[in-house]
């Protein structure tokens, strides 16, 4: 209360004389607080004072994502897994060795002994080749009993009706061979999504830095003007209230700069989530790296739009994935159709009980036909119905997907054109604001204007410049969405 009382008795002119000193103290404290806050790794106060900054381009961001992003590393593992599925499917054609040795002991002697070994080689087109040796002793059935030296045989099993066009092994192999293509398209889909999202965050990062620069520029204008105003007040060339007006504007612009810095820090933290190191660890943007300037702006040619709209139907990975699903359904349908046929297999196997005797002297062989057929075919009918339903569902999904893809290209192109027009309007507004600001500053120099109007013009120019930055950010983000929609990454 005593301090307040004493202050109320101070003369107004004495208070005004202390204002420049107060401003100096506030700015000094502000700079000190910034210096202390720079100990935090995410603070970006020094970004405006870098003498030789390095620029991070969008192409470098894409290269980093493509090489090190965990999602793409995981998608590559999906391709490796699909290749493993192919290898596993071809494993159904691996030669198989079966062997058995048995003996029956009764009344203190061995009555029966059996030794048998056979190698079976399944062929891709459904046939099976087999070769083996067996020795059976002590059986009453003489046809089952072999000589002591055993019996060698070789043969082939050939399907005569079912499993000629396709069988279970070929079905598994054909489906497995589709999987690497699916995995590759899923990787492309993941990459496209990452590139689109990273592009949007990148341009947010660029735009936030440009706004940071704009707010810093207008703050520096007020600080430089403060020195001149205070000098003129000392010599009685300006009213004392101008110092208060300029001080208020400095605080307003300082608050805007802090807000812009916070936005830049937020965009930096959000954007660098897409950056990774070689060892798979997250990477932060170094302090000496700042965003580049916005590239040149150009309108989308209608010829390119037409080509991109048509090409998107073949380039979009979602379309390719749908076609792969249809191919899997076709394989299932072909296999289901094969199950309607009776399973008839011809077997022919020459054998010899005399291993030292040439087969040209005598040919012993076994020949037979296996026949198998379900009576109701309910399993075959169910498989066929499921495959046909899958085909129809895939076709319907493709129609909807093609419509969605073209609509996404149209929407992205519409957004791109609108943002281009908004940029032109914002640029013209910024140019007009700069001209008015310059004219107002000249009037102020000649004493025909006041500090309030100059501050207003500068503030309006800064707002127009920020609107232009927003328009540029929206424009380049629209380009990213257009490239994603047309699969141009």
Protein backbone atom coordinates (compact mmCIF):
# COMPACT_ATOMS: atom_id res chain seq x y z
CA UNK A 1 0.00 0.00 0.00
CA UNK A 2 2.86 2.41 0.75
CA UNK A 3 4.43 1.76 -2.64
CA UNK A 4 1.13 2.38 -4.38
CA UNK A 5 0.62 5.62 -2.48
CA UNK A 6 4.03 6.92 -3.37
CA UNK A 7 3.55 6.05 -7.02
CA UNK A 8 0.30 7.97 -7.24
CA UNK A 9 2.12 11.13 -6.18
CA UNK A 10 4.70 10.84 -8.97
CA UNK A 11 4.37 13.38 -11.76
CA UNK A 12 3.25 11.97 -15.11
CA UNK A 13 6.27 13.40 -16.91
CA UNK A 14 8.57 11.57 -14.50
CA UNK A 15 6.78 8.31 -15.21
CA UNK A 16 7.10 8.84 -18.94
CA UNK A 17 10.81 9.53 -18.63
CA UNK A 18 11.26 6.12 -17.05
CA UNK A 19 9.44 4.30 -19.85
CA UNK A 20 12.49 3.85 -22.14
CA UNK A 21 14.40 2.44 -19.19
CA UNK A 22 11.49 0.14 -18.33
CA UNK A 23 11.33 -1.06 -21.93
CA UNK A 24 15.06 -1.77 -21.88
CA UNK A 25 14.73 -3.75 -18.64
CA UNK A 26 11.77 -5.78 -19.96
CA UNK A 27 13.56 -6.62 -23.20
CA UNK A 28 16.71 -7.47 -21.29
CA UNK A 29 14.78 -9.80 -18.98
CA UNK A 30 13.02 -11.29 -21.97
CA UNK A 31 16.34 -12.00 -23.71
CA UNK A 32 17.68 -13.53 -20.49
CA UNK A 33 14.66 -15.77 -20.18
CA UNK A 34 15.13 -16.87 -23.78
CA UNK A 35 18.78 -17.66 -23.06
CA UNK A 36 17.76 -19.75 -20.08
CA UNK A 37 15.02 -21.50 -22.03
CA UNK A 38 17.49 -22.53 -24.76
CA UNK A 39 18.70 -25.26 -22.42
CA UNK A 40 15.60 -27.18 -23.47
CA UNK A 41 16.35 -29.21 -26.62
CA UNK A 42 13.11 -28.21 -28.33
CA UNK A 43 13.56 -24.45 -27.99
CA UNK A 44 14.08 -22.63 -31.28
CA UNK A 45 15.03 -19.09 -30.18
CA UNK A 46 18.40 -19.37 -31.91
CA UNK A 47 16.83 -20.32 -35.26
CA UNK A 48 16.62 -16.65 -36.29
CA UNK A 49 20.25 -15.97 -35.41
CA UNK A 50 21.93 -18.74 -37.42
CA UNK A 51 24.54 -17.18 -39.73
CA UNK A 52 25.12 -20.20 -42.01
CA UNK A 53 22.05 -22.41 -41.78
CA UNK A 54 21.59 -25.73 -43.53
CA UNK A 55 18.38 -26.48 -45.40
CA UNK A 56 16.39 -29.68 -45.29
CA UNK A 57 14.60 -30.42 -48.56
CA UNK A 58 11.52 -32.55 -49.02
CA UNK A 59 13.45 -34.95 -51.27
CA UNK A 60 15.93 -35.57 -48.45
CA UNK A 61 13.01 -36.29 -46.13
CA UNK A 62 11.62 -38.82 -48.61
CA UNK A 63 15.03 -40.50 -48.90
CA UNK A 64 15.29 -40.78 -45.11
CA UNK A 65 11.80 -42.24 -44.80
CA UNK A 66 12.36 -44.70 -47.62
CA UNK A 67 15.61 -45.94 -46.09
CA UNK A 68 15.02 -45.98 -42.35
CA UNK A 69 11.37 -45.56 -41.36
CA UNK A 70 10.27 -48.52 -39.19
CA UNK A 71 6.96 -48.90 -41.01
CA UNK A 72 8.76 -49.44 -44.31
CA UNK A 73 11.24 -51.77 -42.63
CA UNK A 74 8.25 -53.73 -41.35
CA UNK A 75 6.68 -53.70 -44.82
CA UNK A 76 9.92 -55.09 -46.25
CA UNK A 77 9.69 -57.89 -43.70
CA UNK A 78 6.24 -58.57 -45.15
CA UNK A 79 7.87 -59.13 -48.56
CA UNK A 80 10.42 -61.47 -47.00
CA UNK A 81 7.58 -63.33 -45.27
CA UNK A 82 5.74 -63.67 -48.59
CA UNK A 83 8.87 -65.15 -50.19
CA UNK A 84 9.04 -67.58 -47.29
CA UNK A 85 5.43 -68.58 -48.01
CA UNK A 86 6.37 -69.32 -51.62
CA UNK A 87 9.27 -71.46 -50.47
CA UNK A 88 7.00 -73.27 -48.06
CA UNK A 89 4.38 -73.87 -50.77
CA UNK A 90 6.96 -75.41 -53.11
CA UNK A 91 7.91 -77.61 -50.18
CA UNK A 92 4.83 -79.69 -50.99
CA UNK A 93 6.80 -80.93 -54.04
CA UNK A 94 9.83 -81.95 -52.01
CA UNK A 95 10.84 -85.62 -52.34
CA UNK A 96 9.78 -87.61 -49.28
CA UNK A 97 11.54 -90.61 -47.80
CA UNK A 98 9.45 -93.11 -45.83
CA UNK A 99 11.09 -96.05 -44.03
CA UNK A 100 9.85 -98.72 -41.65
CA UNK A 101 11.46 -101.66 -39.87
CA UNK A 102 9.38 -104.07 -37.74
CA UNK A 103 9.82 -107.49 -36.21
CA UNK A 104 7.45 -109.85 -34.43
CA UNK A 105 8.89 -112.18 -31.77
CA UNK A 106 6.74 -115.05 -30.47
CA UNK A 107 7.58 -118.26 -28.56
CA UNK A 108 11.17 -117.18 -28.18
CA UNK A 109 11.81 -116.66 -31.88
CA UNK A 110 11.18 -114.03 -34.55
CA UNK A 111 8.24 -115.04 -36.69
CA UNK A 112 7.99 -111.96 -38.94
CA UNK A 113 10.43 -109.29 -40.08
CA UNK A 114 9.70 -106.28 -42.24
CA UNK A 115 12.00 -103.63 -43.71
CA UNK A 116 10.73 -101.10 -46.20
CA UNK A 117 11.97 -97.77 -47.65
CA UNK A 118 10.40 -95.62 -50.38
CA UNK A 119 11.17 -92.26 -51.97
CA UNK A 120 8.20 -90.34 -53.39
CA UNK A 121 8.65 -87.35 -55.70
CA UNK A 122 5.48 -85.28 -56.33
CA UNK A 123 5.51 -83.51 -59.69
CA UNK A 124 4.06 -80.05 -60.33
CA UNK A 125 1.35 -81.31 -62.70
CA UNK A 126 -0.05 -83.83 -60.23
CA UNK A 127 1.91 -86.99 -61.03
CA UNK A 128 3.97 -88.83 -58.46
CA UNK A 129 7.12 -90.85 -59.06
CA UNK A 130 8.19 -93.37 -56.45
CA UNK A 131 10.98 -95.88 -55.97
CA UNK A 132 11.62 -98.21 -53.08
CA UNK A 133 12.86 -101.43 -51.61
CA UNK A 134 11.22 -103.84 -49.19
CA UNK A 135 11.89 -107.14 -47.49
CA UNK A 136 9.14 -109.10 -45.75
CA UNK A 137 9.92 -112.45 -44.11
CA UNK A 138 7.77 -114.95 -42.20
CA UNK A 139 4.37 -114.14 -43.66
CA UNK A 140 1.88 -116.83 -44.68
CA UNK A 141 0.83 -114.75 -47.68
CA UNK A 142 3.48 -115.61 -50.21
CA UNK A 143 2.55 -112.68 -52.36
CA UNK A 144 3.50 -110.40 -49.48
CA UNK A 145 6.68 -112.30 -48.64
CA UNK A 146 9.87 -111.33 -50.49
CA UNK A 147 13.19 -113.09 -50.93
CA UNK A 148 15.91 -112.57 -48.37
CA UNK A 149 17.60 -110.04 -50.65
CA UNK A 150 14.38 -107.99 -50.82
CA UNK A 151 12.37 -106.53 -53.67
CA UNK A 152 13.12 -103.29 -55.54
CA UNK A 153 10.42 -101.33 -57.32
CA UNK A 154 9.80 -98.04 -59.13
CA UNK A 155 6.64 -96.55 -60.48
CA UNK A 156 4.43 -93.61 -61.30
CA UNK A 157 0.92 -92.51 -60.30
CA UNK A 158 -0.96 -90.44 -62.88
CA UNK A 159 -4.30 -88.67 -62.28
CA UNK A 160 -6.78 -89.40 -65.04
CA UNK A 161 -9.59 -86.95 -64.28
CA UNK A 162 -9.46 -84.92 -61.07
CA UNK A 163 -6.25 -82.97 -60.29
CA UNK A 164 -5.22 -82.69 -63.95
CA UNK A 165 -5.88 -78.93 -64.31
CA UNK A 166 -5.12 -78.05 -60.71
CA UNK A 167 -4.62 -79.89 -57.45
CA UNK A 168 -4.06 -78.99 -53.81
CA UNK A 169 -0.32 -78.52 -54.22
CA UNK A 170 -0.63 -76.31 -57.28
CA UNK A 171 -3.39 -74.30 -55.58
CA UNK A 172 -1.14 -73.59 -52.60
CA UNK A 173 1.79 -72.69 -54.86
CA UNK A 174 -0.28 -70.36 -57.07
CA UNK A 175 -1.75 -68.58 -54.04
CA UNK A 176 1.67 -68.28 -52.44
CA UNK A 177 3.11 -66.78 -55.64
CA UNK A 178 0.54 -63.98 -55.40
CA UNK A 179 1.68 -63.04 -51.89
CA UNK A 180 4.97 -61.27 -52.81
CA UNK A 181 3.06 -58.99 -55.17
CA UNK A 182 0.56 -58.23 -52.41
CA UNK A 183 3.37 -57.48 -49.97
CA UNK A 184 5.07 -55.16 -52.48
CA UNK A 185 1.85 -53.25 -53.07
CA UNK A 186 1.30 -52.97 -49.33
CA UNK A 187 4.81 -51.55 -49.01
CA UNK A 188 4.03 -49.01 -51.74
CA UNK A 189 0.75 -48.15 -50.02
CA UNK A 190 2.57 -47.63 -46.72
CA UNK A 191 5.21 -45.50 -48.44
CA UNK A 192 2.61 -43.34 -50.16
CA UNK A 193 0.83 -42.74 -46.88
CA UNK A 194 4.08 -41.84 -45.15
CA UNK A 195 5.13 -39.49 -47.96
CA UNK A 196 1.76 -37.74 -47.91
CA UNK A 197 1.71 -37.28 -44.13
CA UNK A 198 5.38 -36.29 -44.03
CA UNK A 199 4.79 -33.74 -46.81
CA UNK A 200 1.93 -32.14 -44.91
CA UNK A 201 4.01 -31.93 -41.72
CA UNK A 202 6.98 -30.64 -43.70
CA UNK A 203 5.05 -27.74 -45.21
CA UNK A 204 3.50 -26.97 -41.81
CA UNK A 205 7.07 -26.79 -40.53
CA UNK A 206 8.14 -24.47 -43.37
CA UNK A 207 5.10 -22.24 -42.91
CA UNK A 208 5.58 -22.01 -39.14
CA UNK A 209 9.17 -20.86 -39.62
CA UNK A 210 8.13 -18.23 -42.16
CA UNK A 211 5.57 -16.85 -39.69
CA UNK A 212 8.26 -16.89 -37.02
CA UNK A 213 10.41 -14.76 -39.31
CA UNK A 214 7.53 -12.37 -40.08
CA UNK A 215 6.78 -11.76 -36.40
CA UNK A 216 10.45 -11.28 -35.65
CA UNK A 217 10.74 -8.75 -38.48
CA UNK A 218 7.87 -6.57 -37.27
CA UNK A 219 9.19 -6.76 -33.70
CA UNK A 220 12.58 -5.51 -34.88
CA UNK A 221 10.86 -2.61 -36.64
CA UNK A 222 9.26 -1.55 -33.37
CA UNK A 223 12.52 -1.90 -31.45
CA UNK A 224 14.46 0.18 -33.97
CA UNK A 225 11.69 2.79 -34.02
CA UNK A 226 11.75 2.96 -30.21
CA UNK A 227 15.28 4.34 -30.27
CA UNK A 228 14.29 7.10 -32.68
CA UNK A 229 11.11 7.97 -30.81
CA UNK A 230 12.91 8.19 -27.48
CA UNK A 231 15.55 10.41 -29.04
CA UNK A 232 12.88 12.70 -30.49
CA UNK A 233 11.07 12.83 -27.11
CA UNK A 234 14.27 14.04 -25.44
CA UNK A 235 14.46 16.96 -27.83
CA UNK A 236 10.75 17.68 -27.57
CA UNK A 237 10.02 16.77 -31.17
CA UNK A 238 7.39 14.14 -30.28
CA UNK A 239 4.76 13.83 -27.59
CA UNK A 240 5.55 11.60 -24.63
CA UNK A 241 2.55 9.39 -25.31
CA UNK A 242 4.22 8.06 -28.48
CA UNK A 243 6.69 6.18 -26.29
CA UNK A 244 3.83 4.46 -24.46
CA UNK A 245 2.14 3.63 -27.77
CA UNK A 246 5.33 2.10 -29.15
CA UNK A 247 5.98 0.21 -25.91
CA UNK A 248 2.48 -1.30 -26.05
CA UNK A 249 3.08 -2.33 -29.66
CA UNK A 250 6.40 -3.92 -28.75
CA UNK A 251 4.69 -6.04 -26.10
CA UNK A 252 1.95 -7.02 -28.53
CA UNK A 253 4.50 -8.06 -31.14
CA UNK A 254 6.66 -9.79 -28.58
CA UNK A 255 3.65 -11.87 -27.55
CA UNK A 256 2.97 -12.71 -31.20
CA UNK A 257 6.60 -13.72 -31.65
CA UNK A 258 6.44 -16.06 -28.65
CA UNK A 259 3.26 -17.59 -30.04
CA UNK A 260 4.86 -18.01 -33.47
CA UNK A 261 7.93 -19.57 -31.87
CA UNK A 262 5.74 -22.01 -29.98
CA UNK A 263 3.98 -22.96 -33.23
CA UNK A 264 7.34 -23.47 -34.94
CA UNK A 265 8.54 -25.68 -32.08
CA UNK A 266 5.29 -27.65 -32.20
CA UNK A 267 5.58 -28.18 -35.97
CA UNK A 268 9.23 -29.17 -35.60
CA UNK A 269 8.45 -31.77 -32.96
CA UNK A 270 5.55 -33.12 -35.03
CA UNK A 271 7.53 -33.20 -38.29
CA UNK A 272 10.67 -34.87 -36.97
CA UNK A 273 8.60 -37.92 -35.94
CA UNK A 274 9.12 -39.03 -39.55
CA UNK A 275 12.93 -38.87 -39.36
CA UNK A 276 14.97 -41.91 -38.31
CA UNK A 277 18.63 -42.86 -38.14
CA UNK A 278 20.52 -45.75 -39.71
CA UNK A 279 20.48 -47.70 -36.45
CA UNK A 280 16.70 -47.49 -36.20
CA UNK A 281 16.65 -44.77 -33.54
CA UNK A 282 14.61 -41.54 -33.77
CA UNK A 283 16.44 -38.54 -35.19
CA UNK A 284 15.84 -34.90 -34.27
CA UNK A 285 16.38 -31.95 -36.57
CA UNK A 286 19.71 -30.28 -35.69
CA UNK A 287 19.60 -26.71 -34.39
CA UNK A 288 21.46 -25.40 -37.45
CA UNK A 289 18.89 -26.83 -39.87
CA UNK A 290 16.01 -24.57 -40.87
CA UNK A 291 13.32 -24.91 -43.54
CA UNK A 292 14.01 -23.68 -47.08
CA UNK A 293 11.98 -21.08 -48.92
CA UNK A 294 8.76 -22.07 -50.62
CA UNK A 295 9.28 -23.26 -54.23
CA UNK A 296 7.70 -21.54 -57.18
CA UNK A 297 3.94 -21.89 -57.56
CA UNK A 298 2.33 -23.08 -60.79
CA UNK A 299 -1.20 -23.97 -61.81
CA UNK A 300 -2.14 -27.59 -62.56
CA UNK A 301 -2.44 -28.13 -66.35
CA UNK A 302 -5.72 -29.74 -67.36
CA UNK A 303 -3.90 -32.21 -69.64
CA UNK A 304 -1.84 -33.49 -66.73
CA UNK A 305 -4.98 -33.78 -64.60
CA UNK A 306 -6.68 -35.94 -67.25
CA UNK A 307 -3.66 -38.23 -67.56
CA UNK A 308 -3.26 -38.51 -63.79
CA UNK A 309 -6.94 -39.32 -63.32
CA UNK A 310 -6.74 -42.22 -65.76
CA UNK A 311 -3.32 -43.39 -64.60
CA UNK A 312 -4.39 -43.47 -60.96
CA UNK A 313 -6.63 -46.46 -61.74
CA UNK A 314 -3.54 -48.52 -62.56
CA UNK A 315 -0.98 -46.93 -60.24
CA UNK A 316 -2.89 -46.87 -56.97
CA UNK A 317 -1.74 -49.82 -54.84
CA UNK A 318 -5.28 -50.35 -53.54
CA UNK A 319 -6.39 -51.26 -57.07
CA UNK A 320 -3.50 -53.70 -57.46
CA UNK A 321 -4.33 -55.27 -54.11
CA UNK A 322 -7.92 -55.75 -55.23
CA UNK A 323 -6.74 -57.48 -58.41
CA UNK A 324 -4.55 -59.75 -56.31
CA UNK A 325 -7.58 -60.64 -54.17
CA UNK A 326 -9.49 -61.46 -57.35
CA UNK A 327 -6.65 -63.70 -58.52
CA UNK A 328 -6.76 -65.59 -55.23
CA UNK A 329 -10.51 -66.01 -55.63
CA UNK A 330 -10.00 -67.32 -59.17
CA UNK A 331 -7.55 -69.93 -57.92
CA UNK A 332 -10.01 -71.02 -55.25
CA UNK A 333 -12.76 -71.26 -57.86
CA UNK A 334 -10.60 -73.38 -60.20
CA UNK A 335 -9.70 -75.72 -57.36
CA UNK A 336 -13.36 -75.97 -56.29
CA UNK A 337 -14.41 -76.83 -59.86
CA UNK A 338 -11.85 -79.62 -59.88
CA UNK A 339 -13.46 -81.22 -56.81
CA UNK A 340 -16.59 -82.07 -58.82
CA UNK A 341 -14.64 -84.66 -60.77
CA UNK A 342 -14.07 -88.28 -59.63
CA UNK A 343 -10.57 -88.94 -58.34
CA UNK A 344 -9.18 -91.63 -60.71
CA UNK A 345 -5.47 -92.41 -60.51
CA UNK A 346 -3.51 -94.90 -62.62
CA UNK A 347 -0.56 -96.58 -60.89
CA UNK A 348 2.16 -98.56 -62.65
CA UNK A 349 5.15 -99.99 -60.77
CA UNK A 350 7.74 -102.46 -62.20
CA UNK A 351 9.55 -104.50 -59.56
CA UNK A 352 12.17 -107.21 -59.34
CA UNK A 353 13.00 -109.85 -56.75
CA UNK A 354 16.36 -110.57 -58.40
CA UNK A 355 18.51 -107.47 -58.13
CA UNK A 356 21.31 -109.02 -60.17
CA UNK A 357 19.03 -109.96 -63.05
CA UNK A 358 18.49 -107.53 -65.88
CA UNK A 359 14.95 -106.26 -66.36
CA UNK A 360 15.31 -107.05 -70.05
CA UNK A 361 15.09 -110.74 -69.28
CA UNK A 362 11.86 -110.47 -67.31
CA UNK A 363 9.54 -107.60 -66.41
CA UNK A 364 7.45 -107.94 -63.28
CA UNK A 365 5.09 -105.08 -62.50
CA UNK A 366 2.05 -104.02 -60.60
CA UNK A 367 -0.70 -101.97 -62.20
CA UNK A 368 -3.89 -100.61 -60.75
CA UNK A 369 -6.49 -97.87 -60.74
CA UNK A 370 -7.71 -95.98 -57.67
CA UNK A 371 -11.19 -94.53 -57.77
CA UNK A 372 -12.74 -92.17 -55.26
CA UNK A 373 -15.81 -89.94 -55.48
CA UNK A 374 -18.08 -88.34 -52.86
CA UNK A 375 -21.76 -89.08 -53.35
CA UNK A 376 -23.27 -85.71 -52.42
CA UNK A 377 -20.46 -83.27 -53.39
CA UNK A 378 -21.48 -80.91 -50.60
CA UNK A 379 -17.90 -79.95 -49.84
CA UNK A 380 -17.19 -79.21 -53.50
CA UNK A 381 -20.42 -77.23 -53.80
CA UNK A 382 -19.63 -75.22 -50.70
CA UNK A 383 -16.09 -74.45 -51.90
CA UNK A 384 -17.37 -73.33 -55.29
CA UNK A 385 -20.07 -71.11 -53.76
CA UNK A 386 -17.55 -69.47 -51.43
CA UNK A 387 -15.12 -68.83 -54.30
CA UNK A 388 -17.81 -67.33 -56.54
CA UNK A 389 -19.09 -65.10 -53.72
CA UNK A 390 -15.52 -63.93 -53.12
CA UNK A 391 -15.19 -63.11 -56.82
CA UNK A 392 -18.40 -61.11 -56.85
CA UNK A 393 -17.50 -59.27 -53.66
CA UNK A 394 -14.09 -58.42 -55.08
CA UNK A 395 -15.62 -57.10 -58.31
CA UNK A 396 -18.06 -54.91 -56.38
CA UNK A 397 -15.22 -53.64 -54.22
CA UNK A 398 -13.22 -52.80 -57.34
CA UNK A 399 -16.06 -50.72 -58.79
CA UNK A 400 -16.41 -48.76 -55.56
CA UNK A 401 -12.65 -48.37 -55.26
CA UNK A 402 -12.29 -47.04 -58.82
CA UNK A 403 -15.02 -44.53 -58.13
CA UNK A 404 -13.34 -43.50 -54.87
CA UNK A 405 -9.93 -43.13 -56.52
CA UNK A 406 -11.25 -40.87 -59.27
CA UNK A 407 -13.20 -38.86 -56.70
CA UNK A 408 -10.06 -38.46 -54.60
CA UNK A 409 -8.11 -37.23 -57.63
CA UNK A 410 -10.92 -34.80 -58.49
CA UNK A 411 -11.13 -33.53 -54.92
CA UNK A 412 -7.35 -33.11 -54.66
CA UNK A 413 -7.25 -31.27 -57.99
CA UNK A 414 -10.12 -29.03 -56.90
CA UNK A 415 -8.35 -28.25 -53.65
CA UNK A 416 -5.10 -27.57 -55.50
CA UNK A 417 -6.74 -25.12 -57.91
CA UNK A 418 -8.60 -23.34 -55.11
CA UNK A 419 -5.45 -23.02 -53.03
CA UNK A 420 -3.59 -21.64 -56.05
CA UNK A 421 -6.25 -18.97 -56.47
CA UNK A 422 -6.19 -18.21 -52.73
CA UNK A 423 -2.43 -17.80 -52.92
CA UNK A 424 -2.76 -15.30 -55.76
CA UNK A 425 -5.30 -13.30 -53.76
CA UNK A 426 -3.16 -13.43 -50.61
CA UNK A 427 -0.05 -12.38 -52.53
CA UNK A 428 -1.86 -9.39 -54.04
CA UNK A 429 -3.19 -8.45 -50.62
CA UNK A 430 0.31 -8.61 -49.14
CA UNK A 431 1.75 -6.47 -51.93
CA UNK A 432 -0.98 -3.85 -51.43
CA UNK A 433 -0.40 -3.89 -47.66
CA UNK A 434 3.33 -3.36 -48.16
CA UNK A 435 2.68 -0.37 -50.40
CA UNK A 436 0.31 1.17 -47.86
CA UNK A 437 2.83 0.52 -45.10
CA UNK A 438 5.59 2.22 -47.05
CA UNK A 439 3.37 5.18 -47.84
CA UNK A 440 2.29 5.50 -44.20
CA UNK A 441 5.93 5.37 -43.09
CA UNK A 442 6.80 8.21 -45.45
CA UNK A 443 3.94 10.29 -44.03
CA UNK A 444 5.19 9.51 -40.54
CA UNK A 445 8.67 10.69 -41.47
CA UNK A 446 7.24 13.98 -42.75
CA UNK A 447 5.17 14.38 -39.60
CA UNK A 448 1.86 13.89 -41.41
CA UNK A 449 0.99 10.64 -39.64
CA UNK A 450 1.33 9.17 -36.15
CA UNK A 451 2.81 6.09 -34.56
CA UNK A 452 -0.60 4.44 -34.18
CA UNK A 453 -1.24 4.44 -37.92
CA UNK A 454 2.27 3.21 -38.70
CA UNK A 455 1.88 0.35 -36.22
CA UNK A 456 -1.50 -0.45 -37.71
CA UNK A 457 -0.09 -0.58 -41.25
CA UNK A 458 2.84 -2.76 -40.18
CA UNK A 459 0.52 -5.04 -38.26
CA UNK A 460 -1.80 -5.34 -41.25
CA UNK A 461 1.17 -6.11 -43.53
CA UNK A 462 2.33 -8.83 -41.14
CA UNK A 463 -1.16 -10.32 -41.10
CA UNK A 464 -1.29 -10.25 -44.90
CA UNK A 465 2.15 -11.90 -45.07
CA UNK A 466 0.98 -14.62 -42.69
CA UNK A 467 -2.12 -15.17 -44.82
CA UNK A 468 0.17 -15.58 -47.83
CA UNK A 469 2.24 -18.12 -45.90
CA UNK A 470 -0.94 -19.99 -44.97
CA UNK A 471 -2.00 -20.00 -48.62
CA UNK A 472 1.41 -21.33 -49.71
CA UNK A 473 1.31 -23.99 -47.00
CA UNK A 474 -2.16 -25.09 -48.06
CA UNK A 475 -1.10 -25.09 -51.71
CA UNK A 476 1.90 -27.38 -51.22
CA UNK A 477 -0.03 -29.64 -48.86
CA UNK A 478 -2.66 -29.91 -51.59
CA UNK A 479 0.11 -30.93 -54.01
CA UNK A 480 1.08 -33.70 -51.58
CA UNK A 481 -2.52 -34.93 -51.41
CA UNK A 482 -2.83 -34.75 -55.20
CA UNK A 483 0.36 -36.76 -55.66
CA UNK A 484 -0.98 -39.31 -53.20
CA UNK A 485 -4.38 -39.52 -54.87
CA UNK A 486 -2.83 -39.96 -58.32
CA UNK A 487 -0.07 -42.27 -56.95
CA UNK A 488 2.71 -39.99 -58.20
CA UNK A 489 5.11 -40.41 -55.27
